[in-house]
């Protein structure tokens, strides 16, 4: 297993060095990859995304990310004031609909 991981890392480094030597920027390579795979890129427009723990941290960043992608959001968190502010921000960023729910997912009664 160690040899496989070492080989993959060495191969990646080799590709990086070759691309840099040829003057090909990694950003250009990424753009080419995205262009080649543009049919495979997922559109989140009008899809529903439910996020728990949305008032801060990763949950908040996910909500902002999907809002920019125009997804419909369901936000759940313990702090109602924080998710209400996040709701306003998500609507401003382009999400067509945002529903907020104050709940603690560790408590079964809050989730019903």
PDB file of N, CA and C in Angstrom:
ATOM      1  N   UNK A   1       0.822  -1.186   0.000  1.00  0.00           N
ATOM      2  CA  UNK A   1       0.000   0.000   0.000  1.00  0.00           C
ATOM      3  C   UNK A   1       0.871   1.257   0.000  1.00  0.00           C
ATOM      4  N   UNK A   2       1.931   1.226   0.777  1.00  0.00           N
ATOM      5  CA  UNK A   2       2.835   2.366   0.855  1.00  0.00           C
ATOM      6  C   UNK A   2       3.435   2.689  -0.509  1.00  0.00           C
ATOM      7  N   UNK A   3       3.791   1.636  -1.250  1.00  0.00           N
ATOM      8  CA  UNK A   3       4.406   1.845  -2.555  1.00  0.00           C
ATOM      9  C   UNK A   3       3.412   2.451  -3.548  1.00  0.00           C
ATOM     10  N   UNK A   4       2.146   2.059  -3.455  1.00  0.00           N
ATOM     11  CA  UNK A   4       1.126   2.603  -4.356  1.00  0.00           C
ATOM     12  C   UNK A   4       0.940   4.095  -4.085  1.00  0.00           C
ATOM     13  N   UNK A   5       0.834   4.465  -2.810  1.00  0.00           N
ATOM     14  CA  UNK A   5       0.663   5.868  -2.456  1.00  0.00           C
ATOM     15  C   UNK A   5       1.883   6.671  -2.891  1.00  0.00           C
ATOM     16  N   UNK A   6       3.059   6.135  -2.661  1.00  0.00           N
ATOM     17  CA  UNK A   6       4.289   6.822  -3.067  1.00  0.00           C
ATOM     18  C   UNK A   6       4.332   7.011  -4.576  1.00  0.00           C
ATOM     19  N   UNK A   7       3.934   5.979  -5.312  1.00  0.00           N
ATOM     20  CA  UNK A   7       3.928   6.047  -6.767  1.00  0.00           C
ATOM     21  C   UNK A   7       2.962   7.120  -7.254  1.00  0.00           C
ATOM     22  N   UNK A   8       1.771   7.178  -6.670  1.00  0.00           N
ATOM     23  CA  UNK A   8       0.773   8.170  -7.084  1.00  0.00           C
ATOM     24  C   UNK A   8       1.275   9.585  -6.793  1.00  0.00           C
ATOM     25  N   UNK A   9       1.855   9.784  -5.613  1.00  0.00           N
ATOM     26  CA  UNK A   9       2.395  11.105  -5.276  1.00  0.00           C
ATOM     27  C   UNK A   9       3.537  11.496  -6.204  1.00  0.00           C
ATOM     28  N   UNK A  10       4.412  10.556  -6.499  1.00  0.00           N
ATOM     29  CA  UNK A  10       5.534  10.823  -7.389  1.00  0.00           C
ATOM     30  C   UNK A  10       5.039  11.137  -8.797  1.00  0.00           C
ATOM     31  N   UNK A  11       4.038  10.403  -9.266  1.00  0.00           N
ATOM     32  CA  UNK A  11       3.474  10.651 -10.591  1.00  0.00           C
ATOM     33  C   UNK A  11       2.828  12.039 -10.649  1.00  0.00           C
ATOM     34  N   UNK A  12       2.092  12.401  -9.594  1.00  0.00           N
ATOM     35  CA  UNK A  12       1.476  13.730  -9.541  1.00  0.00           C
ATOM     36  C   UNK A  12       2.512  14.831  -9.562  1.00  0.00           C
ATOM     37  N   UNK A  13       3.574  14.654  -8.810  1.00  0.00           N
ATOM     38  CA  UNK A  13       4.652  15.645  -8.791  1.00  0.00           C
ATOM     39  C   UNK A  13       5.307  15.743 -10.165  1.00  0.00           C
ATOM     40  N   UNK A  14       5.517  14.603 -10.821  1.00  0.00           N
ATOM     41  CA  UNK A  14       6.121  14.593 -12.150  1.00  0.00           C
ATOM     42  C   UNK A  14       5.254  15.359 -13.147  1.00  0.00           C
ATOM     43  N   UNK A  15       3.955  15.119 -13.107  1.00  0.00           N
ATOM     44  CA  UNK A  15       3.036  15.826 -14.014  1.00  0.00           C
ATOM     45  C   UNK A  15       3.087  17.324 -13.736  1.00  0.00           C
ATOM     46  N   UNK A  16       3.102  17.703 -12.453  1.00  0.00           N
ATOM     47  CA  UNK A  16       3.177  19.112 -12.077  1.00  0.00           C
ATOM     48  C   UNK A  16       4.451  19.757 -12.630  1.00  0.00           C
ATOM     49  N   UNK A  17       5.595  19.085 -12.486  1.00  0.00           N
ATOM     50  CA  UNK A  17       6.876  19.615 -12.962  1.00  0.00           C
ATOM     51  C   UNK A  17       6.863  19.748 -14.484  1.00  0.00           C
ATOM     52  N   UNK A  18       6.342  18.753 -15.176  1.00  0.00           N
ATOM     53  CA  UNK A  18       6.281  18.812 -16.640  1.00  0.00           C
ATOM     54  C   UNK A  18       5.410  19.971 -17.092  1.00  0.00           C
ATOM     55  N   UNK A  19       4.239  20.141 -16.450  1.00  0.00           N
ATOM     56  CA  UNK A  19       3.353  21.243 -16.830  1.00  0.00           C
ATOM     57  C   UNK A  19       4.021  22.593 -16.579  1.00  0.00           C
ATOM     58  N   UNK A  20       4.678  22.748 -15.453  1.00  0.00           N
ATOM     59  CA  UNK A  20       5.365  24.005 -15.155  1.00  0.00           C
ATOM     60  C   UNK A  20       6.514  24.254 -16.122  1.00  0.00           C
ATOM     61  N   UNK A  21       7.258  23.173 -16.487  1.00  0.00           N
ATOM     62  CA  UNK A  21       8.373  23.301 -17.420  1.00  0.00           C
ATOM     63  C   UNK A  21       7.884  23.744 -18.792  1.00  0.00           C
ATOM     64  N   UNK A  22       6.737  23.236 -19.189  1.00  0.00           N
ATOM     65  CA  UNK A  22       6.178  23.609 -20.491  1.00  0.00           C
ATOM     66  C   UNK A  22       5.487  24.969 -20.448  1.00  0.00           C
ATOM     67  N   UNK A  23       5.395  25.548 -19.265  1.00  0.00           N
ATOM     68  CA  UNK A  23       4.781  26.865 -19.147  1.00  0.00           C
ATOM     69  C   UNK A  23       3.264  26.813 -19.083  1.00  0.00           C
ATOM     70  N   UNK A  24       2.707  25.654 -18.810  1.00  0.00           N
ATOM     71  CA  UNK A  24       1.250  25.523 -18.721  1.00  0.00           C
ATOM     72  C   UNK A  24       0.839  25.783 -17.279  1.00  0.00           C
ATOM     73  N   UNK A  25       0.002  26.774 -17.105  1.00  0.00           N
ATOM     74  CA  UNK A  25      -0.454  27.122 -15.771  1.00  0.00           C
ATOM     75  C   UNK A  25      -1.507  26.116 -15.317  1.00  0.00           C
ATOM     76  N   UNK A  26      -1.490  25.796 -14.042  1.00  0.00           N
ATOM     77  CA  UNK A  26      -2.448  24.836 -13.490  1.00  0.00           C
ATOM     78  C   UNK A  26      -3.871  25.357 -13.630  1.00  0.00           C
ATOM     79  N   UNK A  27      -4.070  26.689 -13.508  1.00  0.00           N
ATOM     80  CA  UNK A  27      -5.407  27.257 -13.647  1.00  0.00           C
ATOM     81  C   UNK A  27      -5.950  27.018 -15.043  1.00  0.00           C
ATOM     82  N   UNK A  28      -5.085  27.138 -16.052  1.00  0.00           N
ATOM     83  CA  UNK A  28      -5.507  26.880 -17.431  1.00  0.00           C
ATOM     84  C   UNK A  28      -5.888  25.416 -17.582  1.00  0.00           C
ATOM     85  N   UNK A  29      -5.111  24.531 -16.983  1.00  0.00           N
ATOM     86  CA  UNK A  29      -5.408  23.110 -17.055  1.00  0.00           C
ATOM     87  C   UNK A  29      -6.754  22.822 -16.410  1.00  0.00           C
ATOM     88  N   UNK A  30      -7.034  23.467 -15.282  1.00  0.00           N
ATOM     89  CA  UNK A  30      -8.317  23.269 -14.603  1.00  0.00           C
ATOM     90  C   UNK A  30      -9.463  23.746 -15.489  1.00  0.00           C
ATOM     91  N   UNK A  31      -9.283  24.903 -16.136  1.00  0.00           N
ATOM     92  CA  UNK A  31     -10.320  25.429 -17.032  1.00  0.00           C
ATOM     93  C   UNK A  31     -10.570  24.473 -18.190  1.00  0.00           C
ATOM     94  N   UNK A  32      -9.494  23.908 -18.748  1.00  0.00           N
ATOM     95  CA  UNK A  32      -9.661  22.934 -19.828  1.00  0.00           C
ATOM     96  C   UNK A  32     -10.420  21.711 -19.336  1.00  0.00           C
ATOM     97  N   UNK A  33     -10.100  21.253 -18.125  1.00  0.00           N
ATOM     98  CA  UNK A  33     -10.793  20.093 -17.554  1.00  0.00           C
ATOM     99  C   UNK A  33     -12.280  20.401 -17.373  1.00  0.00           C
ATOM    100  N   UNK A  34     -12.588  21.588 -16.867  1.00  0.00           N
ATOM    101  CA  UNK A  34     -13.987  21.967 -16.681  1.00  0.00           C
ATOM    102  C   UNK A  34     -14.705  22.070 -18.021  1.00  0.00           C
ATOM    103  N   UNK A  35     -14.027  22.591 -19.046  1.00  0.00           N
ATOM    104  CA  UNK A  35     -14.644  22.701 -20.362  1.00  0.00           C
ATOM    105  C   UNK A  35     -14.924  21.321 -20.944  1.00  0.00           C
ATOM    106  N   UNK A  36     -13.966  20.402 -20.806  1.00  0.00           N
ATOM    107  CA  UNK A  36     -14.158  19.042 -21.326  1.00  0.00           C
ATOM    108  C   UNK A  36     -15.295  18.331 -20.619  1.00  0.00           C
ATOM    109  N   UNK A  37     -15.489  18.629 -19.345  1.00  0.00           N
ATOM    110  CA  UNK A  37     -16.492  17.935 -18.553  1.00  0.00           C
ATOM    111  C   UNK A  37     -17.697  18.819 -18.229  1.00  0.00           C
ATOM    112  N   UNK A  38     -17.967  19.806 -19.073  1.00  0.00           N
ATOM    113  CA  UNK A  38     -19.042  20.741 -18.766  1.00  0.00           C
ATOM    114  C   UNK A  38     -20.410  20.067 -18.722  1.00  0.00           C
ATOM    115  N   UNK A  39     -20.607  18.979 -19.467  1.00  0.00           N
ATOM    116  CA  UNK A  39     -21.884  18.280 -19.432  1.00  0.00           C
ATOM    117  C   UNK A  39     -22.061  17.510 -18.125  1.00  0.00           C
ATOM    118  N   UNK A  40     -20.965  17.234 -17.432  1.00  0.00           N
ATOM    119  CA  UNK A  40     -21.019  16.472 -16.200  1.00  0.00           C
ATOM    120  C   UNK A  40     -21.141  17.350 -14.965  1.00  0.00           C
ATOM    121  N   UNK A  41     -21.011  18.667 -15.128  1.00  0.00           N
ATOM    122  CA  UNK A  41     -21.110  19.583 -13.997  1.00  0.00           C
ATOM    123  C   UNK A  41     -22.571  19.662 -13.565  1.00  0.00           C
ATOM    124  N   UNK A  42     -22.788  19.492 -12.265  1.00  0.00           N
ATOM    125  CA  UNK A  42     -24.141  19.438 -11.726  1.00  0.00           C
ATOM    126  C   UNK A  42     -24.683  20.848 -11.540  1.00  0.00           C
ATOM    127  N   UNK A  43     -25.911  21.040 -11.971  1.00  0.00           N
ATOM    128  CA  UNK A  43     -26.590  22.308 -11.739  1.00  0.00           C
ATOM    129  C   UNK A  43     -27.460  22.149 -10.490  1.00  0.00           C
ATOM    130  N   UNK A  44     -27.337  23.065  -9.565  1.00  0.00           N
ATOM    131  CA  UNK A  44     -28.128  23.019  -8.338  1.00  0.00           C
ATOM    132  C   UNK A  44     -29.325  23.955  -8.406  1.00  0.00           C
ATOM    133  N   UNK A  45     -29.532  24.584  -9.556  1.00  0.00           N
ATOM    134  CA  UNK A  45     -30.617  25.531  -9.682  1.00  0.00           C
ATOM    135  C   UNK A  45     -31.960  24.843  -9.440  1.00  0.00           C
ATOM    136  N   UNK A  46     -32.725  25.397  -8.505  1.00  0.00           N
ATOM    137  CA  UNK A  46     -34.043  24.902  -8.096  1.00  0.00           C
ATOM    138  C   UNK A  46     -34.028  23.508  -7.472  1.00  0.00           C
ATOM    139  N   UNK A  47     -32.865  22.995  -7.104  1.00  0.00           N
ATOM    140  CA  UNK A  47     -32.789  21.759  -6.335  1.00  0.00           C
ATOM    141  C   UNK A  47     -32.954  22.131  -4.861  1.00  0.00           C
ATOM    142  N   UNK A  48     -33.403  21.191  -4.050  1.00  0.00           N
ATOM    143  CA  UNK A  48     -33.588  21.448  -2.623  1.00  0.00           C
ATOM    144  C   UNK A  48     -32.403  20.886  -1.853  1.00  0.00           C
ATOM    145  N   UNK A  49     -31.803  21.729  -1.018  1.00  0.00           N
ATOM    146  CA  UNK A  49     -30.667  21.338  -0.186  1.00  0.00           C
ATOM    147  C   UNK A  49     -31.034  21.634   1.263  1.00  0.00           C
ATOM    148  N   UNK A  50     -30.945  20.617   2.121  1.00  0.00           N
ATOM    149  CA  UNK A  50     -31.247  20.784   3.538  1.00  0.00           C
ATOM    150  C   UNK A  50     -29.933  20.726   4.307  1.00  0.00           C
ATOM    151  N   UNK A  51     -29.698  21.730   5.137  1.00  0.00           N
ATOM    152  CA  UNK A  51     -28.434  21.836   5.873  1.00  0.00           C
ATOM    153  C   UNK A  51     -28.734  21.968   7.358  1.00  0.00           C
ATOM    154  N   UNK A  52     -28.168  21.061   8.149  1.00  0.00           N
ATOM    155  CA  UNK A  52     -28.287  21.174   9.603  1.00  0.00           C
ATOM    156  C   UNK A  52     -27.031  21.853  10.138  1.00  0.00           C
ATOM    157  N   UNK A  53     -27.179  22.557  11.225  1.00  0.00           N
ATOM    158  CA  UNK A  53     -26.044  23.293  11.781  1.00  0.00           C
ATOM    159  C   UNK A  53     -25.665  24.467  10.914  1.00  0.00           C
ATOM    160  N   UNK A  54     -26.675  25.119  10.342  1.00  0.00           N
ATOM    161  CA  UNK A  54     -26.430  26.156   9.341  1.00  0.00           C
ATOM    162  C   UNK A  54     -26.096  27.527   9.925  1.00  0.00           C
ATOM    163  N   UNK A  55     -26.139  27.675  11.235  1.00  0.00           N
ATOM    164  CA  UNK A  55     -25.940  29.017  11.793  1.00  0.00           C
ATOM    165  C   UNK A  55     -24.483  29.469  11.777  1.00  0.00           C
ATOM    166  N   UNK A  56     -23.544  28.519  11.706  1.00  0.00           N
ATOM    167  CA  UNK A  56     -22.132  28.918  11.699  1.00  0.00           C
ATOM    168  C   UNK A  56     -21.274  27.802  11.110  1.00  0.00           C
ATOM    169  N   UNK A  57     -20.009  28.130  10.889  1.00  0.00           N
ATOM    170  CA  UNK A  57     -19.033  27.133  10.444  1.00  0.00           C
ATOM    171  C   UNK A  57     -19.302  26.587   9.053  1.00  0.00           C
ATOM    172  N   UNK A  58     -19.081  25.287   8.908  1.00  0.00           N
ATOM    173  CA  UNK A  58     -19.228  24.623   7.611  1.00  0.00           C
ATOM    174  C   UNK A  58     -20.663  24.712   7.107  1.00  0.00           C
ATOM    175  N   UNK A  59     -21.625  24.578   8.015  1.00  0.00           N
ATOM    176  CA  UNK A  59     -23.031  24.665   7.621  1.00  0.00           C
ATOM    177  C   UNK A  59     -23.366  26.007   6.992  1.00  0.00           C
ATOM    178  N   UNK A  60     -22.854  27.067   7.581  1.00  0.00           N
ATOM    179  CA  UNK A  60     -23.100  28.407   7.038  1.00  0.00           C
ATOM    180  C   UNK A  60     -22.441  28.570   5.676  1.00  0.00           C
ATOM    181  N   UNK A  61     -21.213  28.108   5.542  1.00  0.00           N
ATOM    182  CA  UNK A  61     -20.508  28.221   4.266  1.00  0.00           C
ATOM    183  C   UNK A  61     -21.194  27.389   3.176  1.00  0.00           C
ATOM    184  N   UNK A  62     -21.703  26.210   3.536  1.00  0.00           N
ATOM    185  CA  UNK A  62     -22.449  25.408   2.569  1.00  0.00           C
ATOM    186  C   UNK A  62     -23.709  26.136   2.112  1.00  0.00           C
ATOM    187  N   UNK A  63     -24.405  26.756   3.052  1.00  0.00           N
ATOM    188  CA  UNK A  63     -25.615  27.499   2.702  1.00  0.00           C
ATOM    189  C   UNK A  63     -25.297  28.630   1.726  1.00  0.00           C
ATOM    190  N   UNK A  64     -24.219  29.352   1.979  1.00  0.00           N
ATOM    191  CA  UNK A  64     -23.834  30.440   1.077  1.00  0.00           C
ATOM    192  C   UNK A  64     -23.419  29.911  -0.293  1.00  0.00           C
ATOM    193  N   UNK A  65     -22.715  28.777  -0.308  1.00  0.00           N
ATOM    194  CA  UNK A  65     -22.297  28.165  -1.569  1.00  0.00           C
ATOM    195  C   UNK A  65     -23.503  27.784  -2.416  1.00  0.00           C
ATOM    196  N   UNK A  66     -24.456  27.076  -1.809  1.00  0.00           N
ATOM    197  CA  UNK A  66     -25.632  26.631  -2.565  1.00  0.00           C
ATOM    198  C   UNK A  66     -26.550  27.793  -2.926  1.00  0.00           C
ATOM    199  N   UNK A  67     -26.555  28.842  -2.120  1.00  0.00           N
ATOM    200  CA  UNK A  67     -27.350  30.028  -2.463  1.00  0.00           C
ATOM    201  C   UNK A  67     -26.825  30.662  -3.745  1.00  0.00           C
ATOM    202  N   UNK A  68     -25.497  30.720  -3.881  1.00  0.00           N
ATOM    203  CA  UNK A  68     -24.900  31.260  -5.101  1.00  0.00           C
ATOM    204  C   UNK A  68     -25.230  30.400  -6.314  1.00  0.00           C
ATOM    205  N   UNK A  69     -25.452  29.090  -6.078  1.00  0.00           N
ATOM    206  CA  UNK A  69     -25.805  28.172  -7.161  1.00  0.00           C
ATOM    207  C   UNK A  69     -27.312  28.136  -7.416  1.00  0.00           C
ATOM    208  N   UNK A  70     -28.053  29.012  -6.714  1.00  0.00           N
ATOM    209  CA  UNK A  70     -29.497  29.173  -6.890  1.00  0.00           C
ATOM    210  C   UNK A  70     -30.310  27.949  -6.461  1.00  0.00           C
ATOM    211  N   UNK A  71     -29.848  27.278  -5.425  1.00  0.00           N
ATOM    212  CA  UNK A  71     -30.589  26.141  -4.879  1.00  0.00           C
ATOM    213  C   UNK A  71     -31.616  26.643  -3.865  1.00  0.00           C
ATOM    214  N   UNK A  72     -32.680  25.887  -3.689  1.00  0.00           N
ATOM    215  CA  UNK A  72     -33.665  26.171  -2.642  1.00  0.00           C
ATOM    216  C   UNK A  72     -33.135  25.560  -1.360  1.00  0.00           C
ATOM    217  N   UNK A  73     -33.170  26.315  -0.270  1.00  0.00           N
ATOM    218  CA  UNK A  73     -32.496  25.888   0.953  1.00  0.00           C
ATOM    219  C   UNK A  73     -33.458  25.650   2.102  1.00  0.00           C
ATOM    220  N   UNK A  74     -33.169  24.603   2.866  1.00  0.00           N
ATOM    221  CA  UNK A  74     -33.808  24.357   4.147  1.00  0.00           C
ATOM    222  C   UNK A  74     -32.713  24.408   5.200  1.00  0.00           C
ATOM    223  N   UNK A  75     -32.788  25.392   6.086  1.00  0.00           N
ATOM    224  CA  UNK A  75     -31.729  25.607   7.071  1.00  0.00           C
ATOM    225  C   UNK A  75     -32.242  25.260   8.465  1.00  0.00           C
ATOM    226  N   UNK A  76     -31.478  24.446   9.177  1.00  0.00           N
ATOM    227  CA  UNK A  76     -31.832  24.076  10.548  1.00  0.00           C
ATOM    228  C   UNK A  76     -30.653  24.382  11.460  1.00  0.00           C
ATOM    229  N   UNK A  77     -30.961  25.008  12.604  1.00  0.00           N
ATOM    230  CA  UNK A  77     -29.923  25.336  13.581  1.00  0.00           C
ATOM    231  C   UNK A  77     -30.588  25.632  14.922  1.00  0.00           C
ATOM    232  N   UNK A  78     -29.775  25.663  15.961  1.00  0.00           N
ATOM    233  CA  UNK A  78     -30.297  25.956  17.293  1.00  0.00           C
ATOM    234  C   UNK A  78     -30.531  27.445  17.505  1.00  0.00           C
ATOM    235  N   UNK A  79     -29.771  28.285  16.833  1.00  0.00           N
ATOM    236  CA  UNK A  79     -29.874  29.737  17.034  1.00  0.00           C
ATOM    237  C   UNK A  79     -30.728  30.377  15.948  1.00  0.00           C
ATOM    238  N   UNK A  80     -31.948  30.722  16.310  1.00  0.00           N
ATOM    239  CA  UNK A  80     -32.914  31.270  15.358  1.00  0.00           C
ATOM    240  C   UNK A  80     -32.440  32.601  14.768  1.00  0.00           C
ATOM    241  N   UNK A  81     -31.866  33.470  15.601  1.00  0.00           N
ATOM    242  CA  UNK A  81     -31.431  34.777  15.097  1.00  0.00           C
ATOM    243  C   UNK A  81     -30.331  34.642  14.045  1.00  0.00           C
ATOM    244  N   UNK A  82     -29.423  33.681  14.234  1.00  0.00           N
ATOM    245  CA  UNK A  82     -28.323  33.498  13.281  1.00  0.00           C
ATOM    246  C   UNK A  82     -28.823  32.959  11.943  1.00  0.00           C
ATOM    247  N   UNK A  83     -29.782  32.032  11.972  1.00  0.00           N
ATOM    248  CA  UNK A  83     -30.252  31.504  10.678  1.00  0.00           C
ATOM    249  C   UNK A  83     -31.185  32.485   9.975  1.00  0.00           C
ATOM    250  N   UNK A  84     -31.834  33.369  10.730  1.00  0.00           N
ATOM    251  CA  UNK A  84     -32.635  34.412  10.078  1.00  0.00           C
ATOM    252  C   UNK A  84     -31.729  35.389   9.325  1.00  0.00           C
ATOM    253  N   UNK A  85     -30.589  35.740   9.909  1.00  0.00           N
ATOM    254  CA  UNK A  85     -29.623  36.587   9.205  1.00  0.00           C
ATOM    255  C   UNK A  85     -29.069  35.870   7.975  1.00  0.00           C
ATOM    256  N   UNK A  86     -28.779  34.583   8.145  1.00  0.00           N
ATOM    257  CA  UNK A  86     -28.263  33.789   7.024  1.00  0.00           C
ATOM    258  C   UNK A  86     -29.300  33.678   5.919  1.00  0.00           C
ATOM    259  N   UNK A  87     -30.565  33.584   6.300  1.00  0.00           N
ATOM    260  CA  UNK A  87     -31.645  33.518   5.305  1.00  0.00           C
ATOM    261  C   UNK A  87     -31.645  34.762   4.417  1.00  0.00           C
ATOM    262  N   UNK A  88     -31.515  35.926   5.051  1.00  0.00           N
ATOM    263  CA  UNK A  88     -31.480  37.181   4.281  1.00  0.00           C
ATOM    264  C   UNK A  88     -30.291  37.198   3.319  1.00  0.00           C
ATOM    265  N   UNK A  89     -29.142  36.736   3.797  1.00  0.00           N
ATOM    266  CA  UNK A  89     -27.935  36.705   2.965  1.00  0.00           C
ATOM    267  C   UNK A  89     -28.104  35.739   1.786  1.00  0.00           C
ATOM    268  N   UNK A  90     -28.690  34.573   2.043  1.00  0.00           N
ATOM    269  CA  UNK A  90     -28.887  33.583   0.975  1.00  0.00           C
ATOM    270  C   UNK A  90     -29.855  34.086  -0.086  1.00  0.00           C
ATOM    271  N   UNK A  91     -30.912  34.759   0.346  1.00  0.00           N
ATOM    272  CA  UNK A  91     -31.859  35.332  -0.626  1.00  0.00           C
ATOM    273  C   UNK A  91     -31.183  36.411  -1.460  1.00  0.00           C
ATOM    274  N   UNK A  92     -30.318  37.185  -0.829  1.00  0.00           N
ATOM    275  CA  UNK A  92     -29.588  38.232  -1.550  1.00  0.00           C
ATOM    276  C   UNK A  92     -28.627  37.632  -2.581  1.00  0.00           C
ATOM    277  N   UNK A  93     -28.048  36.463  -2.243  1.00  0.00           N
ATOM    278  CA  UNK A  93     -27.090  35.830  -3.152  1.00  0.00           C
ATOM    279  C   UNK A  93     -27.746  35.109  -4.328  1.00  0.00           C
ATOM    280  N   UNK A  94     -29.064  34.902  -4.273  1.00  0.00           N
ATOM    281  CA  UNK A  94     -29.733  34.316  -5.433  1.00  0.00           C
ATOM    282  C   UNK A  94     -30.563  33.082  -5.184  1.00  0.00           C
ATOM    283  N   UNK A  95     -30.655  32.620  -3.961  1.00  0.00           N
ATOM    284  CA  UNK A  95     -31.492  31.460  -3.674  1.00  0.00           C
ATOM    285  C   UNK A  95     -32.959  31.855  -3.830  1.00  0.00           C
ATOM    286  N   UNK A  96     -33.751  31.080  -4.593  1.00  0.00           N
ATOM    287  CA  UNK A  96     -35.147  31.469  -4.808  1.00  0.00           C
ATOM    288  C   UNK A  96     -36.036  31.298  -3.572  1.00  0.00           C
ATOM    289  N   UNK A  97     -35.681  30.375  -2.670  1.00  0.00           N
ATOM    290  CA  UNK A  97     -36.490  30.154  -1.476  1.00  0.00           C
ATOM    291  C   UNK A  97     -35.614  29.610  -0.355  1.00  0.00           C
ATOM    292  N   UNK A  98     -35.844  30.125   0.843  1.00  0.00           N
ATOM    293  CA  UNK A  98     -35.106  29.668   2.012  1.00  0.00           C
ATOM    294  C   UNK A  98     -36.096  29.470   3.159  1.00  0.00           C
ATOM    295  N   UNK A  99     -36.077  28.276   3.751  1.00  0.00           N
ATOM    296  CA  UNK A  99     -36.931  27.971   4.892  1.00  0.00           C
ATOM    297  C   UNK A  99     -36.026  27.712   6.090  1.00  0.00           C
ATOM    298  N   UNK A 100     -36.323  28.382   7.211  1.00  0.00           N
ATOM    299  CA  UNK A 100     -35.515  28.234   8.421  1.00  0.00           C
ATOM    300  C   UNK A 100     -36.294  27.466   9.484  1.00  0.00           C
ATOM    301  N   UNK A 101     -35.572  26.663  10.232  1.00  0.00           N
ATOM    302  CA  UNK A 101     -36.186  25.886  11.302  1.00  0.00           C
ATOM    303  C   UNK A 101     -35.252  25.887  12.508  1.00  0.00           C
ATOM    304  N   UNK A 102     -35.782  26.340  13.642  1.00  0.00           N
ATOM    305  CA  UNK A 102     -34.988  26.315  14.864  1.00  0.00           C
ATOM    306  C   UNK A 102     -35.163  24.945  15.510  1.00  0.00           C
ATOM    307  N   UNK A 103     -34.080  24.182  15.538  1.00  0.00           N
ATOM    308  CA  UNK A 103     -34.147  22.858  16.148  1.00  0.00           C
ATOM    309  C   UNK A 103     -32.751  22.368  16.524  1.00  0.00           C
ATOM    310  N   UNK A 104     -32.742  21.403  17.421  1.00  0.00           N
ATOM    311  CA  UNK A 104     -31.510  20.745  17.827  1.00  0.00           C
ATOM    312  C   UNK A 104     -31.620  19.299  17.341  1.00  0.00           C
ATOM    313  N   UNK A 105     -30.822  18.921  16.366  1.00  0.00           N
ATOM    314  CA  UNK A 105     -30.954  17.579  15.782  1.00  0.00           C
ATOM    315  C   UNK A 105     -30.546  16.478  16.747  1.00  0.00           C
ATOM    316  N   UNK A 106     -29.949  16.838  17.876  1.00  0.00           N
ATOM    317  CA  UNK A 106     -29.622  15.843  18.894  1.00  0.00           C
ATOM    318  C   UNK A 106     -30.858  15.467  19.709  1.00  0.00           C
ATOM    319  N   UNK A 107     -31.912  16.268  19.620  1.00  0.00           N
ATOM    320  CA  UNK A 107     -33.167  16.001  20.338  1.00  0.00           C
ATOM    321  C   UNK A 107     -34.210  15.503  19.351  1.00  0.00           C
ATOM    322  N   UNK A 108     -34.701  14.320  19.578  1.00  0.00           N
ATOM    323  CA  UNK A 108     -35.646  13.688  18.658  1.00  0.00           C
ATOM    324  C   UNK A 108     -36.936  14.502  18.518  1.00  0.00           C
ATOM    325  N   UNK A 109     -37.421  15.074  19.593  1.00  0.00           N
ATOM    326  CA  UNK A 109     -38.663  15.845  19.529  1.00  0.00           C
ATOM    327  C   UNK A 109     -38.538  17.090  18.651  1.00  0.00           C
ATOM    328  N   UNK A 110     -37.355  17.692  18.611  1.00  0.00           N
ATOM    329  CA  UNK A 110     -37.150  18.861  17.756  1.00  0.00           C
ATOM    330  C   UNK A 110     -37.190  18.518  16.271  1.00  0.00           C
ATOM    331  N   UNK A 111     -36.911  17.282  15.943  1.00  0.00           N
ATOM    332  CA  UNK A 111     -36.830  16.875  14.537  1.00  0.00           C
ATOM    333  C   UNK A 111     -38.166  16.417  13.962  1.00  0.00           C
ATOM    334  N   UNK A 112     -39.185  16.306  14.776  1.00  0.00           N
ATOM    335  CA  UNK A 112     -40.492  15.829  14.275  1.00  0.00           C
ATOM    336  C   UNK A 112     -41.351  16.961  13.803  1.00  0.00           C
TER     337      UNK A 112
END
